[in-house]
């Protein structure tokens, strides 16, 4: 279920009645209707749509999404739930604790989802959350016991707030996901891979309790602890997010960090677009070890124009190569190295 860009037109549709036509990013039409008669055929299908007065819509268009590959830049057109996919609404918070291989598909979750099990796959799902007064993620896999996979899914809150992130992830593989409208797109912990995905348009709030009442501190991805974390072939665009901090902010607030990789991504926005720190953990200062930054394409929208990458002097930068400006293909400056 892609986010719909609205074009309001009054039409008469035979057998369906007065309608509202909505044009999607892929020139696919969704027709909102309250009629209880008529049929749909071809590539038309009835889908859930909370913006429709009867919460149903007729959608026309291709029923597939062409995945981003090679030089294809992940966008709303090739990530998230495929166009035309009907979703079943699941209301309320849910916890999935099974360790038996399970696939959960074609759902729209209107509540916060936690995973404490393993071997669970979510595909073609839309995570929307609900109301909350505390810090929450639309999907939380931090207490998972083993591999969790999410693919071809979208994350966008129904009720954005300063306390809602897209995901809090551990032991999780994310492929072709579209994340927007949250404070941080992803809190990436141990054994997390995000690939072929689009993170963009984070939500900014002037008053954030997590920042002492100051404004929100938006990151596309934030890592606070954990090892074996990879961002590969994603589009993380913070250029349209007000006062964004970084496309990927790495610290050690909650534990040690090692073996992190940013490979072949499109990255833009923030103060410095990549910010890899060694922040103190507990009462000791430990170096963050083994960071790889290779083959990334950087935009030019950031607070500090020359600071595409900031790396602490205490971080072991194992590899830094092939990183260029997206518009010219010329190499970016060497990383800023300071604490």
Protein backbone atom coordinates (compact mmCIF):
# COMPACT_ATOMS: atom_id res chain seq x y z
CA UNK A 1 0.00 0.00 0.00
CA UNK A 2 2.00 2.93 -1.25
CA UNK A 3 1.44 6.34 0.19
CA UNK A 4 -1.12 8.00 -2.07
CA UNK A 5 -0.56 11.43 -3.57
CA UNK A 6 -3.94 13.01 -3.81
CA UNK A 7 -5.56 14.34 -6.95
CA UNK A 8 -9.21 14.96 -6.23
CA UNK A 9 -11.56 14.65 -9.17
CA UNK A 10 -15.34 14.25 -9.24
CA UNK A 11 -16.34 11.47 -11.60
CA UNK A 12 -19.18 9.10 -12.27
CA UNK A 13 -18.07 5.45 -12.48
CA UNK A 14 -20.64 3.08 -13.96
CA UNK A 15 -22.01 0.66 -11.38
CA UNK A 16 -19.97 2.19 -8.56
CA UNK A 17 -21.35 5.68 -7.98
CA UNK A 18 -19.83 9.00 -6.95
CA UNK A 19 -16.12 8.58 -6.45
CA UNK A 20 -12.86 10.16 -5.40
CA UNK A 21 -9.98 9.36 -7.76
CA UNK A 22 -6.52 9.17 -6.28
CA UNK A 23 -3.38 8.99 -8.44
CA UNK A 24 -0.52 6.98 -7.00
CA UNK A 25 3.17 7.42 -7.73
CA UNK A 26 2.91 4.73 -10.41
CA UNK A 27 -0.02 6.30 -12.29
CA UNK A 28 -2.23 3.70 -10.65
CA UNK A 29 -5.73 4.75 -9.64
CA UNK A 30 -7.59 4.07 -6.41
CA UNK A 31 -11.29 4.83 -6.49
CA UNK A 32 -13.00 5.40 -3.15
CA UNK A 33 -16.64 4.34 -3.08
CA UNK A 34 -19.49 3.50 -0.75
CA UNK A 35 -21.43 1.51 -3.32
CA UNK A 36 -22.31 -2.06 -2.40
CA UNK A 37 -23.07 -3.19 -5.94
CA UNK A 38 -21.16 -3.80 -9.15
CA UNK A 39 -18.09 -5.92 -9.86
CA UNK A 40 -14.40 -5.35 -10.38
CA UNK A 41 -12.40 -7.05 -13.10
CA UNK A 42 -8.99 -7.17 -14.74
CA UNK A 43 -6.38 -5.49 -12.57
CA UNK A 44 -9.00 -3.69 -10.53
CA UNK A 45 -9.44 -4.89 -6.96
CA UNK A 46 -11.15 -3.83 -3.76
CA UNK A 47 -8.65 -2.86 -1.08
CA UNK A 48 -8.76 -1.42 2.44
CA UNK A 49 -8.27 2.36 2.47
CA UNK A 50 -8.69 4.30 5.71
CA UNK A 51 -9.01 7.54 3.74
CA UNK A 52 -12.14 6.31 2.01
CA UNK A 53 -15.41 7.05 3.78
CA UNK A 54 -16.34 3.36 3.78
CA UNK A 55 -12.69 2.33 4.32
CA UNK A 56 -12.73 0.47 0.98
CA UNK A 57 -11.35 1.48 -2.40
CA UNK A 58 -11.15 0.07 -5.91
CA UNK A 59 -7.56 0.12 -7.12
CA UNK A 60 -6.40 -0.16 -10.72
CA UNK A 61 -2.90 -0.96 -11.89
CA UNK A 62 -0.04 -3.40 -11.98
CA UNK A 63 0.01 -5.84 -9.08
CA UNK A 64 3.76 -5.98 -8.77
CA UNK A 65 6.71 -3.81 -7.82
CA UNK A 66 9.94 -4.01 -9.81
CA UNK A 67 12.68 -4.49 -7.20
CA UNK A 68 15.66 -2.13 -7.24
CA UNK A 69 18.78 -3.82 -8.57
CA UNK A 70 22.27 -2.75 -9.52
CA UNK A 71 22.20 0.96 -10.31
CA UNK A 72 18.46 1.33 -9.60
CA UNK A 73 17.87 3.80 -6.81
CA UNK A 74 15.33 2.63 -4.22
CA UNK A 75 12.27 4.91 -4.24
CA UNK A 76 8.59 4.73 -3.29
CA UNK A 77 7.99 3.15 -6.72
CA UNK A 78 10.11 0.04 -6.10
CA UNK A 79 9.92 -0.49 -2.33
CA UNK A 80 7.08 -1.19 0.07
CA UNK A 81 3.92 -3.20 -0.57
CA UNK A 82 3.40 -3.96 -4.29
CA UNK A 83 0.77 -1.89 -6.05
CA UNK A 84 -2.66 -3.54 -6.03
CA UNK A 85 -1.97 -5.85 -3.10
CA UNK A 86 -5.06 -6.22 -0.91
CA UNK A 87 -4.34 -6.06 2.81
CA UNK A 88 -6.25 -7.40 5.79
CA UNK A 89 -6.50 -4.98 8.71
CA UNK A 90 -5.21 -6.22 12.07
CA UNK A 91 -6.30 -3.94 14.92
CA UNK A 92 -4.49 -3.58 18.25
CA UNK A 93 -1.00 -4.34 19.52
CA UNK A 94 0.36 -7.79 18.64
CA UNK A 95 3.21 -9.97 19.95
CA UNK A 96 4.62 -12.84 17.88
CA UNK A 97 6.49 -15.39 20.00
CA UNK A 98 6.59 -18.48 17.79
CA UNK A 99 9.93 -20.04 16.88
CA UNK A 100 8.37 -22.28 14.22
CA UNK A 101 9.03 -20.96 10.69
CA UNK A 102 6.10 -18.63 10.00
CA UNK A 103 5.20 -16.21 7.21
CA UNK A 104 2.82 -13.33 7.89
CA UNK A 105 1.69 -11.63 4.72
CA UNK A 106 -0.74 -9.05 3.34
CA UNK A 107 -1.55 -7.35 6.64
CA UNK A 108 -2.09 -3.74 7.66
CA UNK A 109 -1.17 -3.51 11.33
CA UNK A 110 -3.01 -0.76 13.21
CA UNK A 111 -1.14 -1.29 16.44
CA UNK A 112 2.44 -1.77 17.59
CA UNK A 113 4.06 -5.10 16.74
CA UNK A 114 6.64 -6.91 18.89
CA UNK A 115 8.52 -10.08 18.01
CA UNK A 116 9.99 -12.27 20.74
CA UNK A 117 10.21 -15.43 18.64
CA UNK A 118 12.33 -16.44 15.66
CA UNK A 119 12.12 -17.64 12.06
CA UNK A 120 9.30 -15.20 11.30
CA UNK A 121 8.87 -13.47 7.94
CA UNK A 122 6.66 -10.44 7.29
CA UNK A 123 5.95 -9.74 3.64
CA UNK A 124 3.63 -7.27 1.91
CA UNK A 125 2.72 -5.66 5.23
CA UNK A 126 1.94 -2.07 6.22
CA UNK A 127 2.95 -1.11 9.78
CA UNK A 128 0.95 1.87 11.07
CA UNK A 129 1.10 1.72 14.87
CA UNK A 130 -1.41 3.53 17.06
CA UNK A 131 -1.50 5.98 19.96
CA UNK A 132 1.29 5.87 22.53
CA UNK A 133 2.59 7.94 25.41
CA UNK A 134 5.99 6.21 25.59
CA UNK A 135 8.78 5.37 23.19
CA UNK A 136 7.59 2.80 20.66
CA UNK A 137 8.54 1.36 17.30
CA UNK A 138 6.01 0.32 14.70
CA UNK A 139 7.88 -3.01 14.66
CA UNK A 140 10.13 -4.08 17.54
CA UNK A 141 12.37 -7.13 17.10
CA UNK A 142 14.93 -6.24 19.78
CA UNK A 143 13.92 -9.25 21.88
CA UNK A 144 13.79 -11.71 19.01
CA UNK A 145 15.47 -15.08 19.53
CA UNK A 146 16.61 -15.62 15.96
CA UNK A 147 16.25 -14.51 12.37
CA UNK A 148 13.40 -12.16 11.47
CA UNK A 149 12.81 -11.09 7.86
CA UNK A 150 10.75 -8.17 6.59
CA UNK A 151 10.36 -7.60 2.88
CA UNK A 152 8.23 -5.52 0.52
CA UNK A 153 6.64 -3.64 3.43
CA UNK A 154 5.93 -0.07 4.46
CA UNK A 155 6.27 1.77 7.77
CA UNK A 156 4.31 4.99 8.31
CA UNK A 157 2.48 5.86 11.55
CA UNK A 158 -1.22 6.68 11.66
CA UNK A 159 -0.57 9.03 14.58
CA UNK A 160 2.96 10.47 14.31
CA UNK A 161 4.55 11.61 17.55
CA UNK A 162 7.96 12.44 19.00
CA UNK A 163 8.10 8.97 20.58
CA UNK A 164 7.53 6.78 17.49
CA UNK A 165 10.31 5.21 15.40
CA UNK A 166 9.89 2.97 12.40
CA UNK A 167 11.69 -0.09 13.75
CA UNK A 168 13.83 -1.26 16.64
CA UNK A 169 15.69 -4.16 15.10
CA UNK A 170 17.93 -7.03 16.13
CA UNK A 171 18.60 -10.30 14.26
CA UNK A 172 16.59 -8.78 11.42
CA UNK A 173 16.89 -8.62 7.64
CA UNK A 174 14.95 -5.84 5.89
CA UNK A 175 14.59 -5.90 2.11
CA UNK A 176 12.71 -3.39 -0.07
CA UNK A 177 11.05 -1.59 2.83
CA UNK A 178 9.77 2.00 2.70
CA UNK A 179 10.03 3.93 5.99
CA UNK A 180 8.77 7.48 6.50
CA UNK A 181 6.92 9.74 8.93
CA UNK A 182 8.71 8.56 12.10
CA UNK A 183 11.36 10.28 14.24
CA UNK A 184 14.10 7.75 13.44
CA UNK A 185 13.61 5.39 10.57
CA UNK A 186 15.41 2.45 12.13
CA UNK A 187 17.20 1.67 15.38
CA UNK A 188 19.63 -0.94 14.03
CA UNK A 189 21.06 -3.40 16.58
CA UNK A 190 23.10 -6.60 16.35
CA UNK A 191 22.86 -8.74 13.23
CA UNK A 192 20.74 -6.28 11.26
CA UNK A 193 20.84 -5.97 7.47
CA UNK A 194 18.83 -3.38 5.57
CA UNK A 195 19.01 -3.60 1.81
CA UNK A 196 17.31 -2.13 -1.29
CA UNK A 197 15.20 0.12 0.94
CA UNK A 198 14.01 3.74 1.11
CA UNK A 199 14.14 5.85 4.29
CA UNK A 200 12.93 9.42 3.93
CA UNK A 201 10.76 12.31 5.20
CA UNK A 202 11.21 11.81 8.93
CA UNK A 203 8.78 13.58 11.29
CA UNK A 204 10.12 16.61 13.18
CA UNK A 205 8.65 17.89 16.46
CA UNK A 206 9.60 21.05 18.33
CA UNK A 207 9.14 19.37 21.73
CA UNK A 208 10.70 15.95 22.24
CA UNK A 209 10.88 14.52 25.79
CA UNK A 210 13.85 12.39 24.69
CA UNK A 211 15.80 15.58 23.98
CA UNK A 212 15.02 17.34 27.24
CA UNK A 213 12.12 19.18 25.70
CA UNK A 214 14.14 20.34 22.71
CA UNK A 215 13.34 19.45 19.14
CA UNK A 216 13.58 15.93 17.72
CA UNK A 217 16.97 14.50 16.75
CA UNK A 218 16.12 12.71 13.49
CA UNK A 219 18.28 9.96 12.03
CA UNK A 220 17.54 7.70 9.10
CA UNK A 221 19.29 4.89 10.95
CA UNK A 222 20.69 5.00 14.48
CA UNK A 223 22.90 2.36 16.10
CA UNK A 224 23.34 2.41 19.88
CA UNK A 225 24.97 -1.02 20.35
CA UNK A 226 25.63 -4.28 18.54
CA UNK A 227 27.83 -6.00 15.99
CA UNK A 228 27.39 -7.06 12.36
CA UNK A 229 25.19 -4.23 11.12
CA UNK A 230 25.03 -3.58 7.36
CA UNK A 231 23.35 -0.92 5.22
CA UNK A 232 23.52 -2.05 1.59
CA UNK A 233 22.06 -0.46 -1.55
CA UNK A 234 19.56 1.80 0.20
CA UNK A 235 18.36 5.35 -0.40
CA UNK A 236 18.50 7.18 2.93
CA UNK A 237 17.42 10.73 2.18
CA UNK A 238 17.36 13.10 5.14
CA UNK A 239 17.52 16.21 2.95
CA UNK A 240 13.78 16.87 3.33
CA UNK A 241 13.74 16.23 7.09
CA UNK A 242 13.90 19.44 9.14
CA UNK A 243 17.07 19.77 11.24
CA UNK A 244 18.03 16.15 10.54
CA UNK A 245 21.08 14.81 12.37
CA UNK A 246 22.42 12.04 10.10
CA UNK A 247 21.54 9.39 7.57
CA UNK A 248 23.33 6.94 9.91
CA UNK A 249 24.32 7.90 13.44
CA UNK A 250 26.45 5.35 15.30
CA UNK A 251 27.25 5.61 19.01
CA UNK A 252 27.78 3.22 21.91
CA UNK A 253 25.14 4.57 24.27
CA UNK A 254 23.85 1.12 25.22
CA UNK A 255 26.81 -1.17 24.45
CA UNK A 256 29.81 -1.87 22.26
CA UNK A 257 29.61 -1.60 18.47
CA UNK A 258 31.75 -3.45 15.91
CA UNK A 259 31.77 -4.59 12.29
CA UNK A 260 29.49 -2.00 10.73
CA UNK A 261 29.19 -1.55 6.97
CA UNK A 262 27.73 1.11 4.67
CA UNK A 263 27.92 -0.30 1.14
CA UNK A 264 26.64 1.10 -2.16
CA UNK A 265 23.99 3.41 -0.69
CA UNK A 266 22.58 6.77 -1.74
CA UNK A 267 22.97 9.03 1.30
CA UNK A 268 21.98 12.65 1.81
CA UNK A 269 21.19 15.23 4.48
CA UNK A 270 21.99 15.70 8.15
CA UNK A 271 24.67 17.76 9.83
CA UNK A 272 27.28 15.22 8.70
CA UNK A 273 25.62 12.54 6.59
CA UNK A 274 27.43 9.62 8.22
CA UNK A 275 28.42 10.14 11.86
CA UNK A 276 30.38 7.32 13.46
CA UNK A 277 31.23 8.07 17.07
CA UNK A 278 32.92 6.17 19.90
CA UNK A 279 30.66 7.58 22.62
CA UNK A 280 31.47 6.40 26.11
CA UNK A 281 29.77 3.22 27.28
CA UNK A 282 29.29 2.89 31.02
CA UNK A 283 32.25 4.29 32.93
CA UNK A 284 34.87 3.21 30.37
CA UNK A 285 35.72 4.51 26.91
CA UNK A 286 35.98 1.72 24.32
CA UNK A 287 36.93 2.20 20.69
CA UNK A 288 34.30 1.32 18.12
CA UNK A 289 36.01 -1.27 15.96
CA UNK A 290 35.95 -2.16 12.29
CA UNK A 291 33.86 0.22 10.17
CA UNK A 292 33.62 -0.20 6.38
CA UNK A 293 32.35 2.66 4.18
CA UNK A 294 32.47 1.70 0.50
CA UNK A 295 30.85 2.58 -2.81
CA UNK A 296 28.34 5.11 -1.50
CA UNK A 297 26.91 8.07 -3.42
CA UNK A 298 26.41 11.25 -1.41
CA UNK A 299 24.09 14.17 -1.97
CA UNK A 300 25.12 17.70 -1.08
CA UNK A 301 22.36 18.65 1.35
CA UNK A 302 23.87 18.89 4.83
CA UNK A 303 24.52 21.49 7.49
CA UNK A 304 28.30 21.19 7.14
CA UNK A 305 28.86 21.14 3.41
CA UNK A 306 32.20 19.30 3.39
CA UNK A 307 31.24 16.77 6.08
CA UNK A 308 29.85 13.80 4.18
CA UNK A 309 31.48 11.48 6.74
CA UNK A 310 32.51 12.17 10.34
CA UNK A 311 34.48 9.42 12.08
CA UNK A 312 35.87 9.54 15.61
CA UNK A 313 39.64 9.26 15.93
CA UNK A 314 39.03 6.25 18.17
CA UNK A 315 37.10 4.35 15.49
CA UNK A 316 38.97 1.77 13.41
CA UNK A 317 38.04 2.68 9.82
CA UNK A 318 38.94 -0.61 8.15
CA UNK A 319 37.96 0.48 4.64
CA UNK A 320 37.00 3.79 3.05
CA UNK A 321 36.83 3.65 -0.75
CA UNK A 322 34.69 4.39 -3.78
CA UNK A 323 32.59 7.08 -2.06
CA UNK A 324 31.55 9.82 -4.48
CA UNK A 325 29.17 12.73 -4.99
CA UNK A 326 26.03 11.46 -6.70
CA UNK A 327 25.67 14.41 -9.08
CA UNK A 328 29.22 14.34 -10.49
CA UNK A 329 30.71 10.97 -9.59
CA UNK A 330 33.77 12.75 -8.16
CA UNK A 331 35.29 11.54 -4.89
CA UNK A 332 34.01 13.08 -1.67
CA UNK A 333 36.53 14.62 0.77
CA UNK A 334 38.29 12.33 3.20
CA UNK A 335 36.31 11.81 6.41
CA UNK A 336 36.51 14.39 9.14
CA UNK A 337 38.39 12.74 12.02
CA UNK A 338 37.68 14.29 15.39
CA UNK A 339 35.86 13.52 18.65
